Structure formats: C-alpha cells, structure tokens
Amino acid sequence: MSTATLGILILGALALWFLGGFVLRLGGLLIFVAGAVGVASGNAGGILVATLGALGWLAGHWHYALRHQEYKSPLARHLFSRWPLSRLDPTRDWSVPVDRSGGRWSR
C-alpha cells in the first residue's frame, strides 16, 4: 500500500469520525421526508424509504452519542434507553450513580 493510499484512507476515516453523525442525521431526515411524501402520494414503496431514512437518522444519533457520550435528541435518548435498543446504547454504564445515603462516597 502506497503512502498516498494510506493517507487517503486515514483522511477518510477522520472525515467519517468527525462528520459521520451529522451526515447520517441529515441524510436520514431527508430520506425519511422523501419516503413520507411518497407514502402520502400513494406510493407503497415509500414505506421502505421512510424506514431506511429513520434508521439512518437513528444511526447518526448513535454515532453522535458514541463520540460525545450524550444524545443530540431526547427522542433518540428515549429510543436507545428502551429494551430492544438498550444493548446498543453507547452511553450505557458511562456515568457513576449517585448515592444519597450520606456515606463517605455519596455526592
């Protein structure tokens, strides 16, 4: 592998890391809206497009939470805290629980 190829791969990985969440959230929203317009106009295939857009939007929020350890949207936080998606939550077990008992280690 040449140095130029390695440099392009590294730049691509950095671009995905820094811009991936935003691109996925925005692209997912636009695809969802296009699918919803398709469903409203009578096209049954719009359901699949809207579903893919919603999954893209959700993947963008997952990426954002992975980078920042918090969610950009309360809806995404709510969805990732529920049973089916709770195992995928990147913020799970990240914080220290607060103990209100008044002991030495309470906050």
N, C-alpha and C. Protein backbone atom coordinates (compact mmCIF):
# COMPACT_ATOMS: atom_id res chain seq x y z
N MET A 1 0.84 -1.16 0.00
CA MET A 1 0.00 0.00 0.00
C MET A 1 0.89 1.23 0.00
N SER A 2 0.58 2.14 -0.89
CA SER A 2 1.42 3.33 -1.00
C SER A 2 1.08 4.34 0.10
N THR A 3 1.96 5.29 0.25
CA THR A 3 1.77 6.32 1.26
C THR A 3 0.55 7.17 0.95
N ALA A 4 0.33 7.47 -0.33
CA ALA A 4 -0.83 8.28 -0.71
C ALA A 4 -2.14 7.55 -0.40
N THR A 5 -2.18 6.25 -0.67
CA THR A 5 -3.38 5.48 -0.38
C THR A 5 -3.64 5.43 1.12
N LEU A 6 -2.59 5.22 1.88
CA LEU A 6 -2.73 5.20 3.34
C LEU A 6 -3.20 6.56 3.86
N GLY A 7 -2.67 7.64 3.32
CA GLY A 7 -3.08 8.98 3.72
C GLY A 7 -4.55 9.25 3.39
N ILE A 8 -4.99 8.80 2.21
CA ILE A 8 -6.39 8.98 1.83
C ILE A 8 -7.31 8.17 2.75
N LEU A 9 -6.90 6.96 3.09
CA LEU A 9 -7.70 6.14 4.00
C LEU A 9 -7.80 6.78 5.38
N ILE A 10 -6.70 7.33 5.86
CA ILE A 10 -6.70 7.98 7.17
C ILE A 10 -7.58 9.23 7.14
N LEU A 11 -7.47 10.03 6.10
CA LEU A 11 -8.33 11.22 5.98
C LEU A 11 -9.80 10.84 5.87
N GLY A 12 -10.09 9.77 5.15
CA GLY A 12 -11.47 9.31 5.03
C GLY A 12 -12.02 8.85 6.37
N ALA A 13 -11.20 8.13 7.14
CA ALA A 13 -11.63 7.67 8.46
C ALA A 13 -11.85 8.85 9.40
N LEU A 14 -10.99 9.86 9.34
CA LEU A 14 -11.17 11.05 10.17
C LEU A 14 -12.42 11.82 9.76
N ALA A 15 -12.67 11.92 8.46
CA ALA A 15 -13.88 12.60 8.00
C ALA A 15 -15.14 11.86 8.46
N LEU A 16 -15.10 10.53 8.40
CA LEU A 16 -16.24 9.76 8.90
C LEU A 16 -16.43 9.95 10.39
N TRP A 17 -15.34 10.00 11.12
CA TRP A 17 -15.44 10.17 12.57
C TRP A 17 -16.01 11.54 12.94
N PHE A 18 -15.53 12.59 12.29
CA PHE A 18 -15.95 13.94 12.65
C PHE A 18 -17.26 14.37 12.00
N LEU A 19 -17.56 13.89 10.79
CA LEU A 19 -18.76 14.34 10.08
C LEU A 19 -19.83 13.27 9.93
N GLY A 20 -19.53 12.03 10.33
CA GLY A 20 -20.44 10.92 10.09
C GLY A 20 -21.78 11.08 10.78
N GLY A 21 -21.80 11.51 12.02
CA GLY A 21 -23.05 11.68 12.74
C GLY A 21 -23.94 12.72 12.11
N PHE A 22 -23.35 13.84 11.73
CA PHE A 22 -24.13 14.91 11.11
C PHE A 22 -24.68 14.48 9.76
N VAL A 23 -23.84 13.85 8.96
CA VAL A 23 -24.26 13.41 7.62
C VAL A 23 -25.36 12.36 7.73
N LEU A 24 -25.22 11.41 8.65
CA LEU A 24 -26.25 10.38 8.83
C LEU A 24 -27.56 10.97 9.34
N ARG A 25 -27.48 11.90 10.28
CA ARG A 25 -28.72 12.50 10.80
C ARG A 25 -29.43 13.31 9.73
N LEU A 26 -28.69 14.15 9.03
CA LEU A 26 -29.30 14.98 7.99
C LEU A 26 -29.78 14.14 6.82
N GLY A 27 -28.96 13.22 6.36
CA GLY A 27 -29.36 12.35 5.25
C GLY A 27 -30.55 11.48 5.61
N GLY A 28 -30.56 10.94 6.82
CA GLY A 28 -31.68 10.13 7.27
C GLY A 28 -32.97 10.93 7.34
N LEU A 29 -32.87 12.16 7.81
CA LEU A 29 -34.06 13.02 7.86
C LEU A 29 -34.59 13.31 6.47
N LEU A 30 -33.70 13.64 5.54
CA LEU A 30 -34.14 13.94 4.17
C LEU A 30 -34.73 12.71 3.49
N ILE A 31 -34.13 11.55 3.71
CA ILE A 31 -34.66 10.32 3.11
C ILE A 31 -36.00 9.97 3.74
N PHE A 32 -36.14 10.17 5.04
CA PHE A 32 -37.42 9.92 5.70
C PHE A 32 -38.51 10.82 5.14
N VAL A 33 -38.20 12.10 4.98
CA VAL A 33 -39.19 13.03 4.43
C VAL A 33 -39.57 12.63 3.01
N ALA A 34 -38.60 12.22 2.21
CA ALA A 34 -38.90 11.78 0.84
C ALA A 34 -39.79 10.55 0.86
N GLY A 35 -39.54 9.62 1.76
CA GLY A 35 -40.39 8.44 1.88
C GLY A 35 -41.79 8.79 2.35
N ALA A 36 -41.89 9.72 3.29
CA ALA A 36 -43.20 10.13 3.78
C ALA A 36 -44.00 10.83 2.68
N VAL A 37 -43.34 11.61 1.86
CA VAL A 37 -44.02 12.25 0.73
C VAL A 37 -44.47 11.19 -0.26
N GLY A 38 -43.64 10.17 -0.46
CA GLY A 38 -44.02 9.08 -1.34
C GLY A 38 -45.24 8.32 -0.84
N VAL A 39 -45.29 8.08 0.46
CA VAL A 39 -46.45 7.40 1.04
C VAL A 39 -47.69 8.28 0.92
N ALA A 40 -47.54 9.58 1.14
CA ALA A 40 -48.67 10.49 1.05
C ALA A 40 -49.21 10.59 -0.37
N SER A 41 -48.35 10.39 -1.36
CA SER A 41 -48.79 10.46 -2.74
C SER A 41 -49.30 9.13 -3.27
N GLY A 42 -49.36 8.10 -2.42
CA GLY A 42 -49.93 6.82 -2.80
C GLY A 42 -48.93 5.76 -3.21
N ASN A 43 -47.65 6.00 -3.05
CA ASN A 43 -46.62 5.03 -3.41
C ASN A 43 -46.29 4.17 -2.19
N ALA A 44 -46.61 2.87 -2.27
CA ALA A 44 -46.38 1.99 -1.13
C ALA A 44 -44.89 1.76 -0.88
N GLY A 45 -44.05 1.93 -1.87
CA GLY A 45 -42.61 1.77 -1.69
C GLY A 45 -42.00 2.85 -0.82
N GLY A 46 -42.74 3.91 -0.58
CA GLY A 46 -42.27 4.98 0.28
C GLY A 46 -42.11 4.54 1.72
N ILE A 47 -42.83 3.48 2.12
CA ILE A 47 -42.70 2.97 3.49
C ILE A 47 -41.28 2.46 3.72
N LEU A 48 -40.74 1.73 2.75
CA LEU A 48 -39.38 1.22 2.87
C LEU A 48 -38.37 2.37 2.89
N VAL A 49 -38.58 3.36 2.05
CA VAL A 49 -37.68 4.52 2.01
C VAL A 49 -37.74 5.29 3.33
N ALA A 50 -38.94 5.47 3.87
CA ALA A 50 -39.08 6.18 5.15
C ALA A 50 -38.42 5.39 6.28
N THR A 51 -38.54 4.07 6.25
CA THR A 51 -37.92 3.24 7.27
C THR A 51 -36.39 3.33 7.19
N LEU A 52 -35.84 3.29 5.99
CA LEU A 52 -34.39 3.43 5.83
C LEU A 52 -33.92 4.80 6.28
N GLY A 53 -34.70 5.83 6.02
CA GLY A 53 -34.36 7.17 6.49
C GLY A 53 -34.36 7.26 8.00
N ALA A 54 -35.36 6.63 8.64
CA ALA A 54 -35.43 6.64 10.10
C ALA A 54 -34.25 5.89 10.70
N LEU A 55 -33.86 4.78 10.08
CA LEU A 55 -32.69 4.03 10.56
C LEU A 55 -31.41 4.82 10.38
N GLY A 56 -31.29 5.56 9.28
CA GLY A 56 -30.13 6.42 9.07
C GLY A 56 -30.06 7.52 10.11
N TRP A 57 -31.21 8.12 10.40
CA TRP A 57 -31.26 9.17 11.42
C TRP A 57 -30.86 8.61 12.78
N LEU A 58 -31.35 7.43 13.11
CA LEU A 58 -31.02 6.79 14.38
C LEU A 58 -29.54 6.42 14.44
N ALA A 59 -28.98 5.96 13.33
CA ALA A 59 -27.55 5.63 13.29
C ALA A 59 -26.71 6.89 13.49
N GLY A 60 -27.15 8.02 12.96
CA GLY A 60 -26.44 9.27 13.17
C GLY A 60 -26.43 9.70 14.62
N HIS A 61 -27.55 9.49 15.31
CA HIS A 61 -27.59 9.82 16.73
C HIS A 61 -26.75 8.85 17.55
N TRP A 62 -26.70 7.59 17.13
CA TRP A 62 -25.83 6.63 17.81
C TRP A 62 -24.37 7.05 17.66
N HIS A 63 -23.99 7.47 16.46
CA HIS A 63 -22.62 7.92 16.22
C HIS A 63 -22.29 9.15 17.05
N TYR A 64 -23.22 10.10 17.13
CA TYR A 64 -23.01 11.29 17.94
C TYR A 64 -22.84 10.92 19.41
N ALA A 65 -23.69 10.00 19.90
CA ALA A 65 -23.59 9.59 21.31
C ALA A 65 -22.29 8.84 21.57
N LEU A 66 -21.81 8.10 20.61
CA LEU A 66 -20.54 7.41 20.76
C LEU A 66 -19.40 8.41 20.90
N ARG A 67 -19.45 9.48 20.15
CA ARG A 67 -18.39 10.48 20.21
C ARG A 67 -18.47 11.37 21.44
N HIS A 68 -19.69 11.78 21.83
CA HIS A 68 -19.84 12.80 22.86
C HIS A 68 -20.40 12.28 24.19
N GLN A 69 -20.78 11.01 24.25
CA GLN A 69 -21.36 10.40 25.45
C GLN A 69 -22.63 11.11 25.92
N GLU A 70 -23.37 11.68 24.99
CA GLU A 70 -24.69 12.25 25.24
C GLU A 70 -25.43 12.28 23.92
N TYR A 71 -26.73 12.34 23.99
CA TYR A 71 -27.53 12.33 22.78
C TYR A 71 -27.88 13.74 22.34
N LYS A 72 -27.99 13.92 21.06
CA LYS A 72 -28.35 15.21 20.50
C LYS A 72 -29.86 15.43 20.58
N SER A 73 -30.62 14.35 20.63
CA SER A 73 -32.07 14.44 20.60
C SER A 73 -32.67 13.66 21.78
N PRO A 74 -33.67 14.23 22.46
CA PRO A 74 -34.34 13.48 23.52
C PRO A 74 -35.07 12.25 22.98
N LEU A 75 -35.55 12.31 21.75
CA LEU A 75 -36.21 11.15 21.16
C LEU A 75 -35.23 10.01 20.97
N ALA A 76 -34.04 10.29 20.48
CA ALA A 76 -33.02 9.24 20.31
C ALA A 76 -32.61 8.67 21.66
N ARG A 77 -32.46 9.52 22.67
CA ARG A 77 -32.11 9.03 24.01
C ARG A 77 -33.20 8.11 24.54
N HIS A 78 -34.45 8.48 24.31
CA HIS A 78 -35.57 7.66 24.77
C HIS A 78 -35.59 6.32 24.03
N LEU A 79 -35.36 6.33 22.73
CA LEU A 79 -35.38 5.09 21.97
C LEU A 79 -34.24 4.16 22.37
N PHE A 80 -33.06 4.71 22.60
CA PHE A 80 -31.92 3.88 22.97
C PHE A 80 -31.96 3.42 24.42
N SER A 81 -32.83 4.01 25.24
CA SER A 81 -32.92 3.57 26.62
C SER A 81 -33.96 2.46 26.79
N ARG A 82 -34.69 2.13 25.75
CA ARG A 82 -35.71 1.08 25.82
C ARG A 82 -35.11 -0.28 25.49
N TRP A 83 -35.84 -1.33 25.80
CA TRP A 83 -35.35 -2.69 25.74
C TRP A 83 -34.72 -3.11 24.42
N PRO A 84 -35.36 -2.95 23.26
CA PRO A 84 -34.74 -3.51 22.05
C PRO A 84 -33.39 -2.86 21.71
N LEU A 85 -33.25 -1.58 21.96
CA LEU A 85 -32.01 -0.89 21.59
C LEU A 85 -31.08 -0.62 22.77
N SER A 86 -31.46 -1.04 23.96
CA SER A 86 -30.64 -0.69 25.13
C SER A 86 -29.25 -1.32 25.09
N ARG A 87 -29.11 -2.46 24.45
CA ARG A 87 -27.78 -3.08 24.35
C ARG A 87 -26.86 -2.31 23.39
N LEU A 88 -27.43 -1.53 22.51
CA LEU A 88 -26.63 -0.75 21.56
C LEU A 88 -26.29 0.65 22.08
N ASP A 89 -26.80 1.00 23.25
CA ASP A 89 -26.62 2.34 23.80
C ASP A 89 -25.15 2.60 24.12
N PRO A 90 -24.50 3.54 23.42
CA PRO A 90 -23.08 3.80 23.70
C PRO A 90 -22.86 4.57 25.00
N THR A 91 -23.91 5.12 25.60
CA THR A 91 -23.75 5.85 26.85
C THR A 91 -24.08 4.98 28.05
N ARG A 92 -24.39 3.70 27.85
CA ARG A 92 -24.75 2.79 28.94
C ARG A 92 -23.55 2.58 29.85
N ASP A 93 -23.80 2.62 31.13
CA ASP A 93 -22.77 2.41 32.17
C ASP A 93 -21.61 3.40 32.06
N TRP A 94 -21.87 4.58 31.55
CA TRP A 94 -20.80 5.57 31.40
C TRP A 94 -20.66 6.43 32.64
N SER A 95 -21.75 6.72 33.31
CA SER A 95 -21.69 7.62 34.45
C SER A 95 -21.63 6.85 35.76
N VAL A 96 -21.31 7.56 36.82
CA VAL A 96 -21.25 6.97 38.15
C VAL A 96 -22.57 7.28 38.85
N PRO A 97 -23.26 6.27 39.40
CA PRO A 97 -24.53 6.55 40.08
C PRO A 97 -24.31 7.36 41.36
N VAL A 98 -25.28 8.16 41.69
CA VAL A 98 -25.23 9.00 42.88
C VAL A 98 -25.88 8.25 44.03
N ASP A 99 -25.18 8.17 45.17
CA ASP A 99 -25.71 7.50 46.34
C ASP A 99 -26.16 8.57 47.33
N ARG A 100 -27.43 8.56 47.68
CA ARG A 100 -27.98 9.58 48.57
C ARG A 100 -28.00 9.14 50.04
N SER A 101 -27.28 8.10 50.38
CA SER A 101 -27.34 7.58 51.75
C SER A 101 -26.55 8.44 52.75
N GLY A 102 -25.73 9.33 52.29
CA GLY A 102 -24.98 10.21 53.18
C GLY A 102 -23.66 9.61 53.65
N GLY A 103 -23.22 8.54 53.04
CA GLY A 103 -21.97 7.91 53.41
C GLY A 103 -20.77 8.69 52.90
N ARG A 104 -19.61 8.11 53.09
CA ARG A 104 -18.36 8.78 52.70
C ARG A 104 -18.29 9.05 51.22
N TRP A 105 -18.80 8.15 50.38
CA TRP A 105 -18.64 8.29 48.94
C TRP A 105 -19.88 8.90 48.28
N SER A 106 -20.82 9.39 49.04
CA SER A 106 -22.00 10.00 48.42
C SER A 106 -21.66 11.39 47.92
N ARG A 107 -22.45 11.83 46.99
CA ARG A 107 -22.19 13.16 46.40
C ARG A 107 -23.31 14.10 46.73
